[in-house]
Amino acid sequence: MLSVIPSVQTIDFGAIMTFTTDSAQNRFSNTFNYSTQAVDAVASTVAVFTSLSVDDQLAVLWYAYTEMGRSITPAATGAARLQLAEGLLNQIKQMTHEEQLQVMRDLAAKKNTQFCRSYGILSANTKLAFWYELSELMVKGFVVPMPSNYQLSRDGVRVLETLKELDFGQQITVLRKVVTDMGVDPLAD
């Protein structure tokens, strides 16, 4: 990379132009800066999300899906095989509110339960759709609702605000990454 060159070197191309490593670094670093910033924004948002408490992770997902859910819906449910998740969603609907909350906490905490293993085999897009449908069931009252007085932590608010500022593709990438990492993959070593 040009940035590891310790001194500025000048190359003279005669009357055409003078090119220095300093100017090349400035010119080219700006060219590639957007993609690096985009990757950094996604990675840092995911990193902060995963450092949140389990309840804050669930709250961020709730807010993300209910506030931005209209735009997430086509990306998630359109590409997913939601019928594979229907069985899990039906199981959740049959549970008490306490059991429903525990299942969601177990998913976020990656507990090794039968439910988390069943979730773990779903595709990334099906997991996106699963959480969207779960938020819809919460809104409709079939699944334990988000407590109206829940206070999201400072970092949780930061993740949510950052998520809102990302473009649509980045939002989906963040959400896909966090929901894909939940549960337990029974096929992993």
Protein backbone atom coordinates (compact mmCIF):
# COMPACT_ATOMS: atom_id res chain seq x y z
CA MET A 1 0.00 0.00 0.00
CA LEU A 2 1.07 3.53 -0.57
CA SER A 3 0.54 4.48 3.06
CA VAL A 4 3.50 2.37 4.22
CA ILE A 5 5.99 4.34 2.12
CA PRO A 6 7.84 6.37 4.74
CA SER A 7 8.70 9.40 2.65
CA VAL A 8 7.12 11.35 -0.16
CA GLN A 9 8.59 10.39 -3.49
CA THR A 10 8.22 12.52 -6.59
CA ILE A 11 8.08 11.10 -10.07
CA ASP A 12 8.44 13.65 -12.86
CA PHE A 13 6.71 12.78 -16.11
CA GLY A 14 8.13 15.81 -17.87
CA ALA A 15 5.75 18.56 -18.84
CA ILE A 16 2.71 16.30 -18.51
CA MET A 17 2.47 16.11 -14.69
CA THR A 18 4.31 15.62 -11.48
CA PHE A 19 3.03 12.73 -9.39
CA THR A 20 3.92 12.22 -5.74
CA THR A 21 3.12 9.28 -3.53
CA ASP A 22 1.46 11.75 -1.19
CA SER A 23 -0.97 12.95 -3.86
CA ALA A 24 -1.58 9.38 -5.03
CA GLN A 25 -2.44 8.31 -1.51
CA ASN A 26 -4.89 11.18 -1.10
CA ARG A 27 -6.46 10.66 -4.51
CA PHE A 28 -6.88 6.92 -4.29
CA SER A 29 -7.79 6.65 -0.62
CA ASN A 30 -10.84 8.83 -1.27
CA THR A 31 -11.82 6.64 -4.21
CA PHE A 32 -12.03 3.52 -2.05
CA ASN A 33 -13.11 5.21 1.14
CA TYR A 34 -16.87 4.72 0.68
CA SER A 35 -16.74 0.93 0.50
CA THR A 36 -14.39 0.77 3.46
CA GLN A 37 -16.69 3.05 5.46
CA ALA A 38 -19.72 0.96 4.47
CA VAL A 39 -18.04 -2.27 5.61
CA ASP A 40 -16.84 -0.56 8.78
CA ALA A 41 -20.34 0.79 9.53
CA VAL A 42 -21.89 -2.66 9.14
CA ALA A 43 -19.14 -4.42 11.12
CA SER A 44 -19.14 -1.88 13.94
CA THR A 45 -22.95 -1.90 14.19
CA VAL A 46 -22.96 -5.71 14.38
CA ALA A 47 -20.14 -5.65 16.96
CA VAL A 48 -21.98 -3.21 19.22
CA PHE A 49 -25.23 -5.15 18.76
CA THR A 50 -23.63 -8.42 19.84
CA SER A 51 -22.15 -6.74 22.91
CA LEU A 52 -25.63 -5.68 24.10
CA SER A 53 -27.53 -7.56 26.78
CA VAL A 54 -29.90 -10.22 25.47
CA ASP A 55 -32.93 -8.06 26.32
CA ASP A 56 -31.42 -5.04 24.55
CA GLN A 57 -30.73 -7.20 21.48
CA LEU A 58 -34.38 -8.24 21.44
CA ALA A 59 -35.49 -4.63 21.93
CA VAL A 60 -33.33 -3.41 19.03
CA LEU A 61 -34.77 -6.14 16.80
CA TRP A 62 -38.28 -5.16 17.90
CA TYR A 63 -37.73 -1.49 17.16
CA ALA A 64 -35.94 -2.24 13.89
CA TYR A 65 -38.68 -4.53 12.62
CA THR A 66 -41.56 -2.34 13.77
CA GLU A 67 -40.04 0.99 12.73
CA MET A 68 -38.34 -0.17 9.53
CA GLY A 69 -40.34 -3.34 8.96
CA ARG A 70 -42.19 -2.12 5.92
CA SER A 71 -38.95 -1.93 3.98
CA ILE A 72 -37.53 -5.13 5.47
CA THR A 73 -40.59 -7.20 4.56
CA PRO A 74 -39.95 -7.59 0.82
CA ALA A 75 -36.30 -8.44 1.33
CA ALA A 76 -36.96 -10.94 4.06
CA THR A 77 -40.22 -12.71 3.33
CA GLY A 78 -40.00 -12.48 -0.43
CA ALA A 79 -36.77 -14.44 -0.61
CA ALA A 80 -37.39 -16.78 2.28
CA ARG A 81 -38.97 -20.14 2.61
CA LEU A 82 -41.16 -19.01 5.48
CA GLN A 83 -43.03 -22.30 5.54
CA LEU A 84 -39.87 -23.79 7.10
CA ALA A 85 -40.22 -21.33 9.99
CA GLU A 86 -44.01 -21.67 10.34
CA GLY A 87 -43.64 -24.67 12.63
CA LEU A 88 -41.42 -22.70 14.99
CA LEU A 89 -43.75 -19.70 14.90
CA ASN A 90 -46.72 -21.96 15.64
CA GLN A 91 -44.85 -23.47 18.60
CA ILE A 92 -44.23 -19.98 19.96
CA LYS A 93 -47.89 -19.03 19.58
CA GLN A 94 -48.87 -22.04 21.74
CA MET A 95 -46.57 -20.98 24.60
CA THR A 96 -47.28 -18.73 27.57
CA HIS A 97 -45.86 -15.20 27.40
CA GLU A 98 -43.12 -16.19 29.85
CA GLU A 99 -42.15 -19.18 27.70
CA GLN A 100 -42.21 -17.03 24.55
CA LEU A 101 -39.87 -14.49 26.11
CA GLN A 102 -37.56 -17.27 27.29
CA VAL A 103 -37.38 -18.76 23.78
CA MET A 104 -36.47 -15.36 22.32
CA ARG A 105 -33.85 -14.87 25.03
CA ASP A 106 -32.48 -18.37 24.38
CA LEU A 107 -32.18 -17.60 20.66
CA ALA A 108 -30.30 -14.36 21.32
CA ALA A 109 -28.09 -16.03 23.95
CA LYS A 110 -27.40 -19.00 21.64
CA LYS A 111 -28.56 -21.53 24.23
CA ASN A 112 -28.36 -25.13 23.13
CA THR A 113 -32.06 -26.02 23.20
CA GLN A 114 -34.17 -28.02 20.76
CA PHE A 115 -35.89 -24.82 19.62
CA CYS A 116 -32.55 -23.02 19.06
CA ARG A 117 -31.21 -26.00 17.10
CA SER A 118 -34.35 -26.04 14.91
CA TYR A 119 -33.92 -22.30 14.30
CA GLY A 120 -30.21 -22.84 13.60
CA ILE A 121 -30.87 -24.86 10.44
CA LEU A 122 -32.93 -22.10 8.80
CA SER A 123 -31.37 -20.06 5.99
CA ALA A 124 -30.30 -16.47 6.62
CA ASN A 125 -33.29 -15.06 4.72
CA THR A 126 -35.69 -17.38 6.52
CA LYS A 127 -34.26 -16.16 9.84
CA LEU A 128 -34.86 -12.57 8.73
CA ALA A 129 -38.44 -13.47 7.86
CA PHE A 130 -38.87 -15.39 11.13
CA TRP A 131 -38.03 -12.27 13.20
CA TYR A 132 -40.24 -10.11 11.00
CA GLU A 133 -43.18 -12.49 11.46
CA LEU A 134 -42.42 -12.72 15.18
CA SER A 135 -42.61 -8.92 15.46
CA GLU A 136 -45.93 -9.01 13.58
CA LEU A 137 -47.25 -11.61 16.03
CA MET A 138 -46.12 -9.37 18.89
CA VAL A 139 -47.99 -6.40 17.41
CA LYS A 140 -51.12 -8.55 17.00
CA GLY A 141 -50.88 -9.80 20.60
CA PHE A 142 -50.18 -13.47 19.81
CA VAL A 143 -46.66 -13.20 21.23
CA VAL A 144 -45.47 -11.41 24.36
CA PRO A 145 -45.34 -7.71 23.52
CA MET A 146 -42.42 -5.40 24.05
CA PRO A 147 -42.91 -3.77 27.46
CA SER A 148 -44.04 -0.19 26.86
CA ASN A 149 -41.77 1.07 29.63
CA TYR A 150 -38.62 -0.76 28.47
CA GLN A 151 -35.58 1.51 28.64
CA LEU A 152 -33.09 0.72 25.90
CA SER A 153 -29.46 1.14 27.00
CA ARG A 154 -27.27 3.91 25.61
CA ASP A 155 -25.50 1.41 23.33
CA GLY A 156 -28.83 -0.04 22.24
CA VAL A 157 -30.02 3.44 21.25
CA ARG A 158 -26.71 3.94 19.41
CA VAL A 159 -27.18 0.71 17.43
CA LEU A 160 -30.74 1.65 16.54
CA GLU A 161 -29.79 5.18 15.47
CA THR A 162 -26.86 3.89 13.40
CA LEU A 163 -29.11 1.28 11.80
CA LYS A 164 -31.56 4.02 10.77
CA GLU A 165 -28.72 5.99 9.13
CA LEU A 166 -27.47 3.07 7.05
CA ASP A 167 -28.75 2.56 3.53
CA PHE A 168 -31.26 -0.21 2.90
CA GLY A 169 -28.66 -2.77 1.79
CA GLN A 170 -26.53 -2.13 4.86
CA GLN A 171 -29.58 -2.40 7.14
CA ILE A 172 -30.44 -5.79 5.69
CA THR A 173 -26.80 -6.90 5.98
CA VAL A 174 -26.69 -5.94 9.68
CA LEU A 175 -30.02 -7.59 10.46
CA ARG A 176 -29.13 -10.71 8.46
CA LYS A 177 -25.82 -11.00 10.30
CA VAL A 178 -27.30 -10.63 13.78
CA VAL A 179 -30.25 -12.98 13.27
CA THR A 180 -28.08 -15.54 11.48
CA ASP A 181 -25.76 -15.67 14.49
CA MET A 182 -28.66 -16.38 16.86
CA GLY A 183 -29.72 -19.86 17.82
CA VAL A 184 -27.48 -22.90 17.53
CA ASP A 185 -26.38 -24.51 14.29
CA PRO A 186 -26.70 -28.24 15.00
CA LEU A 187 -24.51 -29.05 12.00
CA ALA A 188 -21.55 -26.95 13.18
CA ASP A 189 -18.58 -28.66 14.75
